[in-house]
Amino acid sequence: MPVFKVDDFEKVDKLGIKLRLVISEETVRARDIDMGVAYIEPGGSTIKHVHENSVEVYFPLNGKGKLTIADEEFDLEPGMIGYVPKNTEHQLSNPYDEEFRVLFTHAPHF
């Protein structure tokens, strides 16, 4: 199936947050990309992590949050895109009062 409804995928706990992994090897046999939606509650954050073999791109859908890449922190909100090079430590966080929802993509898949 080439079209997916995000809400049809179960939210899972990963990296300290809830997310829905929609495009992946497990869901649609995608071997070159992963894509999903991260849901970061107020005060929440992912753990600091690294993707050794893939870049990651973040596209905020609603709310606002912070993207930390190495030791540098950036604001993220709808209309912005965050890019994390492979093999670089990073973290998403939400210090605000509203859920931060972000579309994420790994290429190639992680």
Protein backbone atom coordinates (compact mmCIF):
# COMPACT_ATOMS: atom_id res chain seq x y z
CA MET A 1 0.00 0.00 0.00
CA PRO A 2 1.55 3.38 -0.99
CA VAL A 3 -0.58 5.64 1.26
CA PHE A 4 -0.77 5.38 5.05
CA LYS A 5 -2.81 6.91 7.83
CA VAL A 6 -0.47 7.67 10.72
CA ASP A 7 -3.15 7.00 13.34
CA ASP A 8 -3.45 3.40 12.06
CA PHE A 9 0.00 2.68 13.53
CA GLU A 10 0.42 1.94 17.23
CA LYS A 11 2.31 4.38 19.43
CA VAL A 12 5.36 2.70 20.95
CA ASP A 13 7.83 3.76 23.62
CA LYS A 14 11.26 4.42 22.15
CA LEU A 15 14.14 6.68 23.17
CA GLY A 16 12.13 7.94 26.15
CA ILE A 17 9.11 9.19 24.16
CA LYS A 18 6.09 7.88 22.26
CA LEU A 19 6.34 7.49 18.50
CA ARG A 20 4.64 5.90 15.53
CA LEU A 21 7.03 4.30 13.03
CA VAL A 22 5.06 4.31 9.77
CA ILE A 23 7.61 3.68 7.03
CA SER A 24 10.21 1.05 7.95
CA GLU A 25 11.53 -2.34 7.01
CA GLU A 26 9.09 -3.91 9.47
CA THR A 27 5.99 -2.06 8.26
CA VAL A 28 6.40 -1.82 4.47
CA ARG A 29 9.75 -3.52 3.80
CA ALA A 30 11.45 -0.14 3.22
CA ARG A 31 15.20 -0.69 3.25
CA ASP A 32 16.35 2.81 2.38
CA ILE A 33 14.34 5.08 4.69
CA ASP A 34 12.40 5.20 7.97
CA MET A 35 9.70 7.74 8.71
CA GLY A 36 7.34 8.33 11.58
CA VAL A 37 5.91 10.80 14.05
CA ALA A 38 7.35 11.56 17.49
CA TYR A 39 5.07 12.80 20.28
CA ILE A 40 6.93 14.70 23.00
CA GLU A 41 4.85 15.71 26.00
CA PRO A 42 5.55 18.94 27.92
CA GLY A 43 8.73 18.48 29.93
CA GLY A 44 9.66 15.36 27.95
CA SER A 45 12.68 14.53 25.84
CA THR A 46 14.35 11.77 23.94
CA ILE A 47 17.49 10.28 25.37
CA LYS A 48 20.68 11.56 23.77
CA HIS A 49 21.43 9.18 20.92
CA VAL A 50 23.44 8.64 17.72
CA HIS A 51 22.56 7.05 14.39
CA GLU A 52 25.87 5.72 13.11
CA ASN A 53 24.72 4.99 9.56
CA SER A 54 21.92 7.44 8.84
CA VAL A 55 21.12 11.14 8.82
CA GLU A 56 17.94 12.30 10.55
CA VAL A 57 15.60 15.09 9.48
CA TYR A 58 12.95 16.62 11.75
CA PHE A 59 9.88 18.50 10.50
CA PRO A 60 7.74 19.89 13.35
CA LEU A 61 3.99 19.43 12.90
CA ASN A 62 2.72 21.28 15.96
CA GLY A 63 3.97 22.85 19.15
CA LYS A 64 7.57 23.83 19.56
CA GLY A 65 10.64 22.25 21.04
CA LYS A 66 14.40 22.13 21.15
CA LEU A 67 16.87 20.13 19.07
CA THR A 68 20.29 19.63 20.60
CA ILE A 69 23.02 18.57 18.15
CA ALA A 70 26.32 17.79 19.85
CA ASP A 71 26.48 20.68 22.36
CA GLU A 72 24.45 23.24 20.39
CA GLU A 73 20.73 23.84 21.04
CA PHE A 74 18.25 25.03 18.40
CA ASP A 75 14.58 26.03 18.54
CA LEU A 76 12.22 24.01 16.34
CA GLU A 77 8.64 24.87 15.39
CA PRO A 78 6.36 24.34 12.38
CA GLY A 79 7.85 25.82 9.23
CA MET A 80 11.38 24.81 10.23
CA ILE A 81 13.44 21.71 9.43
CA GLY A 82 16.18 20.22 11.60
CA TYR A 83 19.01 18.16 10.08
CA VAL A 84 21.29 15.85 12.07
CA PRO A 85 24.36 14.42 10.29
CA LYS A 86 25.09 10.74 10.77
CA ASN A 87 27.21 9.71 13.72
CA THR A 88 26.26 12.88 15.65
CA GLU A 89 24.77 12.87 19.15
CA HIS A 90 21.39 14.59 19.32
CA GLN A 91 18.26 14.99 21.42
CA LEU A 92 14.74 16.42 21.06
CA SER A 93 13.11 18.09 24.06
CA ASN A 94 9.95 19.95 24.91
CA PRO A 95 10.33 22.56 27.67
CA TYR A 96 6.94 24.09 26.77
CA ASP A 97 3.31 23.55 27.89
CA GLU A 98 1.98 21.98 24.66
CA GLU A 99 2.68 18.62 23.00
CA PHE A 100 5.52 18.81 20.45
CA ARG A 101 4.76 16.59 17.46
CA VAL A 102 7.51 16.01 14.90
CA LEU A 103 7.76 14.08 11.64
CA PHE A 104 11.15 12.35 11.52
CA THR A 105 13.02 10.62 8.72
CA HIS A 106 16.18 8.49 8.75
CA ALA A 107 18.02 7.84 5.51
CA PRO A 108 19.11 5.20 5.04
CA HIS A 109 16.99 3.45 7.62
CA PHE A 110 18.49 3.05 11.10
